[in-house]
C-alpha atoms as a PDB file:
ATOM      1  CA  MET A   1      18.979  -0.593  10.626  1.00  0.00           C
ATOM      2  CA  GLY A   2      15.144  -0.484  11.082  1.00  0.00           C
ATOM      3  CA  THR A   3      13.131  -3.052  13.252  1.00  0.00           C
ATOM      4  CA  PHE A   4      12.045  -5.089  10.399  1.00  0.00           C
ATOM      5  CA  GLY A   5      15.491  -6.002   9.163  1.00  0.00           C
ATOM      6  CA  LYS A   6      16.164  -3.087   6.662  1.00  0.00           C
ATOM      7  CA  ASP A   7      15.942   0.712   6.785  1.00  0.00           C
ATOM      8  CA  ILE A   8      12.431   1.825   6.243  1.00  0.00           C
ATOM      9  CA  ARG A   9      11.680   5.648   6.870  1.00  0.00           C
ATOM     10  CA  ALA A  10       8.459   7.759   6.812  1.00  0.00           C
ATOM     11  CA  LEU A  11       7.907  10.462   4.133  1.00  0.00           C
ATOM     12  CA  LYS A  12       8.267  13.660   5.702  1.00  0.00           C
ATOM     13  CA  ALA A  13       7.890  16.246   2.848  1.00  0.00           C
ATOM     14  CA  SER A  14       5.166  17.404   1.213  1.00  0.00           C
ATOM     15  CA  SER A  15       7.227  17.317  -2.126  1.00  0.00           C
ATOM     16  CA  GLU A  16       7.703  13.607  -1.717  1.00  0.00           C
ATOM     17  CA  TYR A  17       4.090  13.135  -1.372  1.00  0.00           C
ATOM     18  CA  SER A  18       3.374  15.308  -4.405  1.00  0.00           C
ATOM     19  CA  VAL A  19       5.852  12.730  -6.685  1.00  0.00           C
ATOM     20  CA  LEU A  20       4.430   9.838  -5.642  1.00  0.00           C
ATOM     21  CA  LEU A  21       0.654  11.018  -6.307  1.00  0.00           C
ATOM     22  CA  SER A  22       1.453  12.452  -9.733  1.00  0.00           C
ATOM     23  CA  SER A  23       3.587   9.991 -11.248  1.00  0.00           C
ATOM     24  CA  GLY A  24       3.214   6.354  -8.978  1.00  0.00           C
ATOM     25  CA  SER A  25       2.285   3.790 -10.260  1.00  0.00           C
ATOM     26  CA  ARG A  26      -1.182   2.481  -8.619  1.00  0.00           C
ATOM     27  CA  PHE A  27      -2.265  -0.562  -7.019  1.00  0.00           C
ATOM     28  CA  ILE A  28      -6.363  -0.393  -5.999  1.00  0.00           C
ATOM     29  CA  CYS A  29      -7.967  -2.628  -3.658  1.00  0.00           C
ATOM     30  CA  PRO A  30     -11.317  -2.433  -1.593  1.00  0.00           C
ATOM     31  CA  LEU A  31      -9.441  -1.527   1.400  1.00  0.00           C
ATOM     32  CA  PHE A  32      -6.624   0.873   0.234  1.00  0.00           C
ATOM     33  CA  VAL A  33      -4.672   2.423  -2.753  1.00  0.00           C
ATOM     34  CA  ALA A  34      -1.006   2.157  -2.908  1.00  0.00           C
ATOM     35  CA  LEU A  35       1.073   4.468  -5.076  1.00  0.00           C
ATOM     36  CA  PHE A  36       4.628   3.479  -5.582  1.00  0.00           C
ATOM     37  CA  ILE A  37       7.802   3.868  -7.304  1.00  0.00           C
ATOM     38  CA  LYS A  38      10.785   1.761  -7.332  1.00  0.00           C
ATOM     39  CA  VAL A  39      13.844   4.270  -5.811  1.00  0.00           C
ATOM     40  CA  GLN A  40      17.785   3.900  -6.357  1.00  0.00           C
ATOM     41  CA  ASP A  41      18.190   4.700  -2.889  1.00  0.00           C
ATOM     42  CA  SER A  42      19.297   2.010  -0.438  1.00  0.00           C
ATOM     43  CA  ASN A  43      16.399   3.228   1.795  1.00  0.00           C
ATOM     44  CA  SER A  44      12.526   2.302   1.335  1.00  0.00           C
ATOM     45  CA  SER A  45      10.074   4.923   2.535  1.00  0.00           C
ATOM     46  CA  PHE A  46       6.565   5.130   2.844  1.00  0.00           C
ATOM     47  CA  GLY A  47       3.715   7.611   3.910  1.00  0.00           C
ATOM     48  CA  VAL A  48      -0.102   7.179   4.904  1.00  0.00           C
ATOM     49  CA  ILE A  49      -3.113   9.566   3.802  1.00  0.00           C
ATOM     50  CA  ALA A  50      -6.458   9.369   5.422  1.00  0.00           C
ATOM     51  CA  SER A  51      -8.865  11.826   4.634  1.00  0.00           C
ATOM     52  CA  LYS A  52     -11.999  12.933   6.625  1.00  0.00           C
ATOM     53  CA  LYS A  53     -13.954  10.660   3.995  1.00  0.00           C
ATOM     54  CA  VAL A  54     -12.934   7.872   5.961  1.00  0.00           C
ATOM     55  CA  GLY A  55     -14.586   9.086   9.205  1.00  0.00           C
ATOM     56  CA  GLY A  56     -13.842  10.727  12.436  1.00  0.00           C
ATOM     57  CA  ALA A  57     -10.499  11.067  13.970  1.00  0.00           C
ATOM     58  CA  VAL A  58     -10.691   7.924  15.809  1.00  0.00           C
ATOM     59  CA  SER A  59     -11.252   6.090  12.486  1.00  0.00           C
ATOM     60  CA  ARG A  60      -8.722   7.793  10.681  1.00  0.00           C
ATOM     61  CA  ASN A  61      -6.010   7.141  13.223  1.00  0.00           C
ATOM     62  CA  ARG A  62      -6.944   3.307  13.208  1.00  0.00           C
ATOM     63  CA  CYS A  63      -6.809   3.265   9.314  1.00  0.00           C
ATOM     64  CA  LYS A  64      -3.484   5.123   9.526  1.00  0.00           C
ATOM     65  CA  ARG A  65      -2.078   2.642  12.602  1.00  0.00           C
ATOM     66  CA  VAL A  66      -3.010  -0.390  10.048  1.00  0.00           C
ATOM     67  CA  LEU A  67      -1.504   1.039   7.136  1.00  0.00           C
ATOM     68  CA  ARG A  68       1.854   1.916   8.916  1.00  0.00           C
ATOM     69  CA  VAL A  69       2.205  -2.021   9.972  1.00  0.00           C
ATOM     70  CA  CYS A  70       0.967  -2.907   6.597  1.00  0.00           C
ATOM     71  CA  ALA A  71       3.778  -0.761   4.836  1.00  0.00           C
ATOM     72  CA  LYS A  72       6.592  -1.821   6.888  1.00  0.00           C
ATOM     73  CA  ARG A  73       5.616  -5.612   6.552  1.00  0.00           C
ATOM     74  CA  VAL A  74       5.375  -5.039   2.584  1.00  0.00           C
ATOM     75  CA  LEU A  75       8.599  -3.001   2.347  1.00  0.00           C
ATOM     76  CA  ALA A  76      10.330  -5.708   4.681  1.00  0.00           C
ATOM     77  CA  GLN A  77       9.927  -8.620   2.530  1.00  0.00           C
ATOM     78  CA  LEU A  78      11.214  -6.674  -0.875  1.00  0.00           C
ATOM     79  CA  SER A  79      14.947  -6.821  -2.091  1.00  0.00           C
ATOM     80  CA  SER A  80      14.360  -3.580  -3.920  1.00  0.00           C
ATOM     81  CA  SER A  81      13.901  -0.085  -2.423  1.00  0.00           C
ATOM     82  CA  PHE A  82      10.408   1.672  -3.088  1.00  0.00           C
ATOM     83  CA  SER A  83       8.544   4.710  -1.911  1.00  0.00           C
ATOM     84  CA  VAL A  84       4.972   3.942  -1.099  1.00  0.00           C
ATOM     85  CA  VAL A  85       2.101   6.180  -0.171  1.00  0.00           C
ATOM     86  CA  PHE A  86      -0.909   4.096   1.091  1.00  0.00           C
ATOM     87  CA  ILE A  87      -4.285   6.047   0.602  1.00  0.00           C
ATOM     88  CA  SER A  88      -7.207   4.936   3.432  1.00  0.00           C
ATOM     89  CA  ARG A  89     -10.594   3.949   1.969  1.00  0.00           C
ATOM     90  CA  LYS A  90     -13.626   4.201   4.105  1.00  0.00           C
ATOM     91  CA  ALA A  91     -14.228   0.144   3.952  1.00  0.00           C
ATOM     92  CA  LEU A  92     -10.991  -0.213   5.768  1.00  0.00           C
ATOM     93  CA  SER A  93     -12.394   1.620   8.980  1.00  0.00           C
ATOM     94  CA  ALA A  94     -14.893  -1.030   9.058  1.00  0.00           C
ATOM     95  CA  SER A  95     -12.877  -3.879   8.280  1.00  0.00           C
ATOM     96  CA  LYS A  96     -11.874  -6.870  10.348  1.00  0.00           C
ATOM     97  CA  PRO A  97      -8.045  -6.883  11.520  1.00  0.00           C
ATOM     98  CA  GLY A  98      -7.029  -9.698   9.344  1.00  0.00           C
ATOM     99  CA  SER A  99      -8.919  -8.578   5.900  1.00  0.00           C
ATOM    100  CA  ILE A 100      -5.908  -6.607   4.435  1.00  0.00           C
ATOM    101  CA  LEU A 101      -3.405  -9.495   4.571  1.00  0.00           C
ATOM    102  CA  ARG A 102      -5.007 -10.926   1.473  1.00  0.00           C
ATOM    103  CA  PHE A 103      -4.413  -7.201  -0.517  1.00  0.00           C
ATOM    104  CA  GLU A 104      -0.954  -6.951   1.398  1.00  0.00           C
ATOM    105  CA  ALA A 105       0.073 -10.457  -0.138  1.00  0.00           C
ATOM    106  CA  GLU A 106      -0.990  -8.975  -3.745  1.00  0.00           C
ATOM    107  CA  LEU A 107       0.685  -5.886  -3.078  1.00  0.00           C
ATOM    108  CA  ILE A 108       4.115  -7.891  -2.600  1.00  0.00           C
ATOM    109  CA  SER A 109       3.533 -10.027  -5.794  1.00  0.00           C
ATOM    110  CA  ASN A 110       3.015  -6.812  -7.840  1.00  0.00           C
ATOM    111  CA  LEU A 111       5.979  -5.101  -6.191  1.00  0.00           C
ATOM    112  CA  ALA A 112       8.380  -8.043  -6.387  1.00  0.00           C
ATOM    113  CA  ALA A 113       7.436  -8.475 -10.234  1.00  0.00           C
ATOM    114  CA  LEU A 114       8.988  -5.046 -10.829  1.00  0.00           C
ATOM    115  CA  SER A 115      12.072  -5.748  -8.716  1.00  0.00           C
END
């Protein structure tokens, strides 16, 4: 069991990312883009992408760290299983630590509506 009360795994294979990037539903906000698909599996999964457009290595790593925590919090609060990819936007690298919480709550409500 994961540290957040249910099994949550990280996406590893390129094919897993490809499926979400091509056919996933989108949630777009100023700080990130989330692509998601409801899965029949009992385990939720997530991936994080931060391109060089976001900034240097330090900025990209900070964005990925923030989005990993966000992904775990979002998936832990849902009753259904989802695969989600978070794509960082440049605004996330300059944002305050708590600014992502509002968009996180919107994403949870959107995913809960699909459950």
